[in-house]
Amino acid sequence: MFGKYPRKKVLLYSLIILCFIVMETPLILFANTSESMVMGIPFFLFWNLLWWFITTALFLVGYLTNWGSKVKPGSE
């Protein structure tokens, strides 16, 4: 099934789905059990910001590698 897709694209999609699962499911409530502070902010807020930055970076990588386009860059 995944043989026709490049390995980088499958990895990128998998990581993006993982980020959404971590941010949007009740798994995030496990981060709220800690009362510690990281860089002066509560751990729960730090955890949300960390995954938001990771997801944003993955979308940037996807954009820069022209994911979803059928035309290779520079061959127009």
PDB file of N, CA and C in Angstrom:
ATOM      1  N   MET A   1       0.815  -1.201   0.000  1.00  0.00           N
ATOM      2  CA  MET A   1       0.000   0.000   0.000  1.00  0.00           C
ATOM      3  C   MET A   1       0.854   1.259   0.000  1.00  0.00           C
ATOM      4  N   PHE A   2       1.901   1.272   0.810  1.00  0.00           N
ATOM      5  CA  PHE A   2       2.743   2.465   0.888  1.00  0.00           C
ATOM      6  C   PHE A   2       3.890   2.435  -0.107  1.00  0.00           C
ATOM      7  N   GLY A   3       3.976   1.395  -0.933  1.00  0.00           N
ATOM      8  CA  GLY A   3       5.092   1.256  -1.863  1.00  0.00           C
ATOM      9  C   GLY A   3       5.159   2.343  -2.910  1.00  0.00           C
ATOM     10  N   LYS A   4       4.017   2.933  -3.269  1.00  0.00           N
ATOM     11  CA  LYS A   4       4.036   3.950  -4.317  1.00  0.00           C
ATOM     12  C   LYS A   4       4.339   5.347  -3.792  1.00  0.00           C
ATOM     13  N   TYR A   5       4.394   5.499  -2.467  1.00  0.00           N
ATOM     14  CA  TYR A   5       4.688   6.797  -1.871  1.00  0.00           C
ATOM     15  C   TYR A   5       6.139   6.839  -1.411  1.00  0.00           C
ATOM     16  N   PRO A   6       6.792   7.991  -1.583  1.00  0.00           N
ATOM     17  CA  PRO A   6       8.163   8.100  -1.068  1.00  0.00           C
ATOM     18  C   PRO A   6       8.187   7.965   0.449  1.00  0.00           C
ATOM     19  N   ARG A   7       9.258   7.416   0.951  1.00  0.00           N
ATOM     20  CA  ARG A   7       9.397   7.175   2.390  1.00  0.00           C
ATOM     21  C   ARG A   7       9.319   8.477   3.181  1.00  0.00           C
ATOM     22  N   LYS A   8       9.885   9.555   2.644  1.00  0.00           N
ATOM     23  CA  LYS A   8       9.851  10.845   3.346  1.00  0.00           C
ATOM     24  C   LYS A   8       8.419  11.339   3.517  1.00  0.00           C
ATOM     25  N   LYS A   9       7.599  11.150   2.494  1.00  0.00           N
ATOM     26  CA  LYS A   9       6.218  11.622   2.556  1.00  0.00           C
ATOM     27  C   LYS A   9       5.423  10.825   3.586  1.00  0.00           C
ATOM     28  N   VAL A  10       5.620   9.515   3.623  1.00  0.00           N
ATOM     29  CA  VAL A  10       4.932   8.680   4.604  1.00  0.00           C
ATOM     30  C   VAL A  10       5.361   9.065   6.013  1.00  0.00           C
ATOM     31  N   LEU A  11       6.650   9.311   6.211  1.00  0.00           N
ATOM     32  CA  LEU A  11       7.150   9.731   7.515  1.00  0.00           C
ATOM     33  C   LEU A  11       6.564  11.077   7.921  1.00  0.00           C
ATOM     34  N   LEU A  12       6.513  12.011   6.997  1.00  0.00           N
ATOM     35  CA  LEU A  12       5.970  13.336   7.283  1.00  0.00           C
ATOM     36  C   LEU A  12       4.492  13.252   7.663  1.00  0.00           C
ATOM     37  N   TYR A  13       3.712  12.512   6.887  1.00  0.00           N
ATOM     38  CA  TYR A  13       2.293  12.349   7.204  1.00  0.00           C
ATOM     39  C   TYR A  13       2.109  11.674   8.564  1.00  0.00           C
ATOM     40  N   SER A  14       2.915  10.664   8.847  1.00  0.00           N
ATOM     41  CA  SER A  14       2.807   9.947  10.115  1.00  0.00           C
ATOM     42  C   SER A  14       3.111  10.866  11.296  1.00  0.00           C
ATOM     43  N   LEU A  15       4.140  11.689  11.166  1.00  0.00           N
ATOM     44  CA  LEU A  15       4.493  12.603  12.250  1.00  0.00           C
ATOM     45  C   LEU A  15       3.418  13.665  12.467  1.00  0.00           C
ATOM     46  N   ILE A  16       2.826  14.152  11.392  1.00  0.00           N
ATOM     47  CA  ILE A  16       1.768  15.143  11.527  1.00  0.00           C
ATOM     48  C   ILE A  16       0.547  14.529  12.212  1.00  0.00           C
ATOM     49  N   ILE A  17       0.201  13.319  11.836  1.00  0.00           N
ATOM     50  CA  ILE A  17      -0.925  12.638  12.486  1.00  0.00           C
ATOM     51  C   ILE A  17      -0.625  12.400  13.958  1.00  0.00           C
ATOM     52  N   LEU A  18       0.612  12.007  14.280  1.00  0.00           N
ATOM     53  CA  LEU A  18       1.006  11.823  15.676  1.00  0.00           C
ATOM     54  C   LEU A  18       0.855  13.127  16.465  1.00  0.00           C
ATOM     55  N   CYS A  19       1.283  14.238  15.882  1.00  0.00           N
ATOM     56  CA  CYS A  19       1.157  15.530  16.566  1.00  0.00           C
ATOM     57  C   CYS A  19      -0.304  15.873  16.837  1.00  0.00           C
ATOM     58  N   PHE A  20      -1.168  15.637  15.861  1.00  0.00           N
ATOM     59  CA  PHE A  20      -2.589  15.907  16.073  1.00  0.00           C
ATOM     60  C   PHE A  20      -3.171  15.003  17.143  1.00  0.00           C
ATOM     61  N   ILE A  21      -2.753  13.752  17.180  1.00  0.00           N
ATOM     62  CA  ILE A  21      -3.248  12.836  18.210  1.00  0.00           C
ATOM     63  C   ILE A  21      -2.829  13.320  19.588  1.00  0.00           C
ATOM     64  N   VAL A  22      -1.583  13.751  19.722  1.00  0.00           N
ATOM     65  CA  VAL A  22      -1.093  14.217  21.026  1.00  0.00           C
ATOM     66  C   VAL A  22      -1.820  15.487  21.457  1.00  0.00           C
ATOM     67  N   MET A  23      -2.107  16.390  20.514  1.00  0.00           N
ATOM     68  CA  MET A  23      -2.725  17.664  20.880  1.00  0.00           C
ATOM     69  C   MET A  23      -4.243  17.595  21.032  1.00  0.00           C
ATOM     70  N   GLU A  24      -4.917  16.744  20.286  1.00  0.00           N
ATOM     71  CA  GLU A  24      -6.369  16.812  20.198  1.00  0.00           C
ATOM     72  C   GLU A  24      -7.122  15.709  20.935  1.00  0.00           C
ATOM     73  N   THR A  25      -6.437  14.751  21.507  1.00  0.00           N
ATOM     74  CA  THR A  25      -7.118  13.672  22.217  1.00  0.00           C
ATOM     75  C   THR A  25      -7.002  13.895  23.722  1.00  0.00           C
ATOM     76  N   PRO A  26      -7.697  13.111  24.510  1.00  0.00           N
ATOM     77  CA  PRO A  26      -7.585  13.243  25.971  1.00  0.00           C
ATOM     78  C   PRO A  26      -6.189  12.908  26.519  1.00  0.00           C
ATOM     79  N   LEU A  27      -5.278  12.479  25.676  1.00  0.00           N
ATOM     80  CA  LEU A  27      -3.906  12.231  26.136  1.00  0.00           C
ATOM     81  C   LEU A  27      -3.272  13.495  26.714  1.00  0.00           C
ATOM     82  N   ILE A  28      -3.740  14.636  26.261  1.00  0.00           N
ATOM     83  CA  ILE A  28      -3.173  15.897  26.733  1.00  0.00           C
ATOM     84  C   ILE A  28      -3.432  16.109  28.221  1.00  0.00           C
ATOM     85  N   LEU A  29      -4.446  15.453  28.742  1.00  0.00           N
ATOM     86  CA  LEU A  29      -4.754  15.597  30.163  1.00  0.00           C
ATOM     87  C   LEU A  29      -3.674  14.988  31.053  1.00  0.00           C
ATOM     88  N   PHE A  30      -2.883  14.062  30.517  1.00  0.00           N
ATOM     89  CA  PHE A  30      -1.769  13.506  31.295  1.00  0.00           C
ATOM     90  C   PHE A  30      -0.709  14.570  31.567  1.00  0.00           C
ATOM     91  N   ALA A  31      -0.578  15.530  30.678  1.00  0.00           N
ATOM     92  CA  ALA A  31       0.386  16.613  30.894  1.00  0.00           C
ATOM     93  C   ALA A  31      -0.094  17.564  31.974  1.00  0.00           C
ATOM     94  N   ASN A  32      -1.370  17.560  32.252  1.00  0.00           N
ATOM     95  CA  ASN A  32      -1.937  18.470  33.243  1.00  0.00           C
ATOM     96  C   ASN A  32      -1.801  17.925  34.665  1.00  0.00           C
ATOM     97  N   THR A  33      -1.305  16.704  34.839  1.00  0.00           N
ATOM     98  CA  THR A  33      -1.170  16.126  36.175  1.00  0.00           C
ATOM     99  C   THR A  33       0.064  16.649  36.901  1.00  0.00           C
ATOM    100  N   SER A  34       0.980  17.245  36.174  1.00  0.00           N
ATOM    101  CA  SER A  34       2.205  17.763  36.778  1.00  0.00           C
ATOM    102  C   SER A  34       2.024  19.233  37.152  1.00  0.00           C
ATOM    103  N   GLU A  35       2.558  19.599  38.305  1.00  0.00           N
ATOM    104  CA  GLU A  35       2.468  20.994  38.759  1.00  0.00           C
ATOM    105  C   GLU A  35       3.791  21.739  38.556  1.00  0.00           C
ATOM    106  N   SER A  36       4.704  21.153  37.791  1.00  0.00           N
ATOM    107  CA  SER A  36       6.019  21.772  37.625  1.00  0.00           C
ATOM    108  C   SER A  36       5.963  22.936  36.635  1.00  0.00           C
ATOM    109  N   MET A  37       7.037  23.715  36.659  1.00  0.00           N
ATOM    110  CA  MET A  37       7.162  24.866  35.770  1.00  0.00           C
ATOM    111  C   MET A  37       8.345  24.628  34.837  1.00  0.00           C
ATOM    112  N   VAL A  38       8.210  25.038  33.607  1.00  0.00           N
ATOM    113  CA  VAL A  38       9.285  24.956  32.622  1.00  0.00           C
ATOM    114  C   VAL A  38       9.459  26.341  32.035  1.00  0.00           C
ATOM    115  N   MET A  39      10.633  26.899  32.177  1.00  0.00           N
ATOM    116  CA  MET A  39      10.941  28.247  31.685  1.00  0.00           C
ATOM    117  C   MET A  39       9.942  29.279  32.206  1.00  0.00           C
ATOM    118  N   GLY A  40       9.458  29.084  33.428  1.00  0.00           N
ATOM    119  CA  GLY A  40       8.581  30.043  34.066  1.00  0.00           C
ATOM    120  C   GLY A  40       7.109  29.920  33.720  1.00  0.00           C
ATOM    121  N   ILE A  41       6.748  28.942  32.900  1.00  0.00           N
ATOM    122  CA  ILE A  41       5.346  28.737  32.567  1.00  0.00           C
ATOM    123  C   ILE A  41       4.920  27.345  33.032  1.00  0.00           C
ATOM    124  N   PRO A  42       3.645  27.149  33.318  1.00  0.00           N
ATOM    125  CA  PRO A  42       3.190  25.825  33.755  1.00  0.00           C
ATOM    126  C   PRO A  42       3.481  24.758  32.694  1.00  0.00           C
ATOM    127  N   PHE A  43       3.704  23.539  33.152  1.00  0.00           N
ATOM    128  CA  PHE A  43       4.070  22.457  32.252  1.00  0.00           C
ATOM    129  C   PHE A  43       3.000  22.206  31.198  1.00  0.00           C
ATOM    130  N   PHE A  44       1.732  22.318  31.574  1.00  0.00           N
ATOM    131  CA  PHE A  44       0.644  22.083  30.624  1.00  0.00           C
ATOM    132  C   PHE A  44       0.720  23.056  29.448  1.00  0.00           C
ATOM    133  N   LEU A  45       0.974  24.324  29.714  1.00  0.00           N
ATOM    134  CA  LEU A  45       1.105  25.314  28.647  1.00  0.00           C
ATOM    135  C   LEU A  45       2.352  25.055  27.817  1.00  0.00           C
ATOM    136  N   PHE A  46       3.453  24.716  28.483  1.00  0.00           N
ATOM    137  CA  PHE A  46       4.682  24.383  27.769  1.00  0.00           C
ATOM    138  C   PHE A  46       4.454  23.188  26.838  1.00  0.00           C
ATOM    139  N   TRP A  47       3.750  22.165  27.321  1.00  0.00           N
ATOM    140  CA  TRP A  47       3.479  20.963  26.528  1.00  0.00           C
ATOM    141  C   TRP A  47       2.677  21.315  25.273  1.00  0.00           C
ATOM    142  N   ASN A  48       1.655  22.148  25.418  1.00  0.00           N
ATOM    143  CA  ASN A  48       0.850  22.575  24.264  1.00  0.00           C
ATOM    144  C   ASN A  48       1.680  23.377  23.267  1.00  0.00           C
ATOM    145  N   LEU A  49       2.464  24.303  23.759  1.00  0.00           N
ATOM    146  CA  LEU A  49       3.294  25.121  22.868  1.00  0.00           C
ATOM    147  C   LEU A  49       4.347  24.287  22.152  1.00  0.00           C
ATOM    148  N   LEU A  50       4.936  23.339  22.861  1.00  0.00           N
ATOM    149  CA  LEU A  50       5.945  22.469  22.253  1.00  0.00           C
ATOM    150  C   LEU A  50       5.359  21.703  21.072  1.00  0.00           C
ATOM    151  N   TRP A  51       4.210  21.072  21.270  1.00  0.00           N
ATOM    152  CA  TRP A  51       3.605  20.304  20.179  1.00  0.00           C
ATOM    153  C   TRP A  51       3.090  21.212  19.079  1.00  0.00           C
ATOM    154  N   TRP A  52       2.658  22.417  19.412  1.00  0.00           N
ATOM    155  CA  TRP A  52       2.231  23.350  18.380  1.00  0.00           C
ATOM    156  C   TRP A  52       3.416  23.746  17.495  1.00  0.00           C
ATOM    157  N   PHE A  53       4.567  24.036  18.108  1.00  0.00           N
ATOM    158  CA  PHE A  53       5.754  24.380  17.324  1.00  0.00           C
ATOM    159  C   PHE A  53       6.233  23.206  16.473  1.00  0.00           C
ATOM    160  N   ILE A  54       6.182  21.994  17.011  1.00  0.00           N
ATOM    161  CA  ILE A  54       6.590  20.818  16.239  1.00  0.00           C
ATOM    162  C   ILE A  54       5.673  20.627  15.033  1.00  0.00           C
ATOM    163  N   THR A  55       4.368  20.765  15.246  1.00  0.00           N
ATOM    164  CA  THR A  55       3.415  20.609  14.144  1.00  0.00           C
ATOM    165  C   THR A  55       3.622  21.694  13.087  1.00  0.00           C
ATOM    166  N   THR A  56       3.837  22.915  13.526  1.00  0.00           N
ATOM    167  CA  THR A  56       4.081  24.009  12.588  1.00  0.00           C
ATOM    168  C   THR A  56       5.351  23.762  11.779  1.00  0.00           C
ATOM    169  N   ALA A  57       6.403  23.264  12.425  1.00  0.00           N
ATOM    170  CA  ALA A  57       7.649  22.962  11.715  1.00  0.00           C
ATOM    171  C   ALA A  57       7.435  21.846  10.691  1.00  0.00           C
ATOM    172  N   LEU A  58       6.636  20.849  11.031  1.00  0.00           N
ATOM    173  CA  LEU A  58       6.360  19.767  10.084  1.00  0.00           C
ATOM    174  C   LEU A  58       5.572  20.273   8.880  1.00  0.00           C
ATOM    175  N   PHE A  59       4.606  21.163   9.112  1.00  0.00           N
ATOM    176  CA  PHE A  59       3.875  21.744   7.990  1.00  0.00           C
ATOM    177  C   PHE A  59       4.794  22.603   7.126  1.00  0.00           C
ATOM    178  N   LEU A  60       5.743  23.288   7.731  1.00  0.00           N
ATOM    179  CA  LEU A  60       6.713  24.070   6.958  1.00  0.00           C
ATOM    180  C   LEU A  60       7.570  23.157   6.092  1.00  0.00           C
ATOM    181  N   VAL A  61       8.020  22.056   6.649  1.00  0.00           N
ATOM    182  CA  VAL A  61       8.805  21.088   5.870  1.00  0.00           C
ATOM    183  C   VAL A  61       7.959  20.565   4.708  1.00  0.00           C
ATOM    184  N   GLY A  62       6.703  20.245   4.978  1.00  0.00           N
ATOM    185  CA  GLY A  62       5.824  19.783   3.911  1.00  0.00           C
ATOM    186  C   GLY A  62       5.638  20.824   2.824  1.00  0.00           C
ATOM    187  N   TYR A  63       5.469  22.060   3.206  1.00  0.00           N
ATOM    188  CA  TYR A  63       5.306  23.131   2.232  1.00  0.00           C
ATOM    189  C   TYR A  63       6.569  23.316   1.393  1.00  0.00           C
ATOM    190  N   LEU A  64       7.717  23.305   2.038  1.00  0.00           N
ATOM    191  CA  LEU A  64       8.968  23.531   1.317  1.00  0.00           C
ATOM    192  C   LEU A  64       9.341  22.368   0.401  1.00  0.00           C
ATOM    193  N   THR A  65       8.829  21.187   0.687  1.00  0.00           N
ATOM    194  CA  THR A  65       9.120  20.034  -0.175  1.00  0.00           C
ATOM    195  C   THR A  65       8.011  19.794  -1.190  1.00  0.00           C
ATOM    196  N   ASN A  66       7.065  20.740  -1.304  1.00  0.00           N
ATOM    197  CA  ASN A  66       5.975  20.676  -2.286  1.00  0.00           C
ATOM    198  C   ASN A  66       5.162  19.400  -2.168  1.00  0.00           C
ATOM    199  N   TRP A  67       4.762  19.061  -0.971  1.00  0.00           N
ATOM    200  CA  TRP A  67       3.956  17.850  -0.806  1.00  0.00           C
ATOM    201  C   TRP A  67       2.599  18.048  -1.459  1.00  0.00           C
ATOM    202  N   GLY A  68       2.082  17.002  -1.992  1.00  0.00           N
ATOM    203  CA  GLY A  68       0.779  17.040  -2.625  1.00  0.00           C
ATOM    204  C   GLY A  68       0.806  17.492  -4.069  1.00  0.00           C
ATOM    205  N   SER A  69       1.899  18.064  -4.537  1.00  0.00           N
ATOM    206  CA  SER A  69       1.953  18.497  -5.927  1.00  0.00           C
ATOM    207  C   SER A  69       2.440  17.346  -6.793  1.00  0.00           C
ATOM    208  N   LYS A  70       1.896  17.255  -7.995  1.00  0.00           N
ATOM    209  CA  LYS A  70       2.286  16.192  -8.895  1.00  0.00           C
ATOM    210  C   LYS A  70       3.428  16.623  -9.812  1.00  0.00           C
ATOM    211  N   VAL A  71       3.665  17.932  -9.875  1.00  0.00           N
ATOM    212  CA  VAL A  71       4.730  18.462 -10.718  1.00  0.00           C
ATOM    213  C   VAL A  71       5.978  18.642  -9.861  1.00  0.00           C
ATOM    214  N   LYS A  72       7.100  18.150 -10.349  1.00  0.00           N
ATOM    215  CA  LYS A  72       8.342  18.324  -9.607  1.00  0.00           C
ATOM    216  C   LYS A  72       8.782  19.774  -9.679  1.00  0.00           C
ATOM    217  N   PRO A  73       9.372  20.285  -8.596  1.00  0.00           N
ATOM    218  CA  PRO A  73       9.805  21.683  -8.610  1.00  0.00           C
ATOM    219  C   PRO A  73      10.870  21.928  -9.668  1.00  0.00           C
ATOM    220  N   GLY A  74      10.745  23.013 -10.380  1.00  0.00           N
ATOM    221  CA  GLY A  74      11.733  23.402 -11.375  1.00  0.00           C
ATOM    222  C   GLY A  74      11.473  22.797 -12.754  1.00  0.00           C
ATOM    223  N   SER A  75      10.451  21.956 -12.905  1.00  0.00           N
ATOM    224  CA  SER A  75      10.195  21.330 -14.200  1.00  0.00           C
ATOM    225  C   SER A  75       9.011  21.970 -14.915  1.00  0.00           C
ATOM    226  N   GLU A  76       8.636  23.154 -14.529  1.00  0.00           N
ATOM    227  CA  GLU A  76       7.467  23.825 -15.114  1.00  0.00           C
ATOM    228  C   GLU A  76       7.797  24.467 -16.424  1.00  0.00           C
TER     229      GLU A  76
END
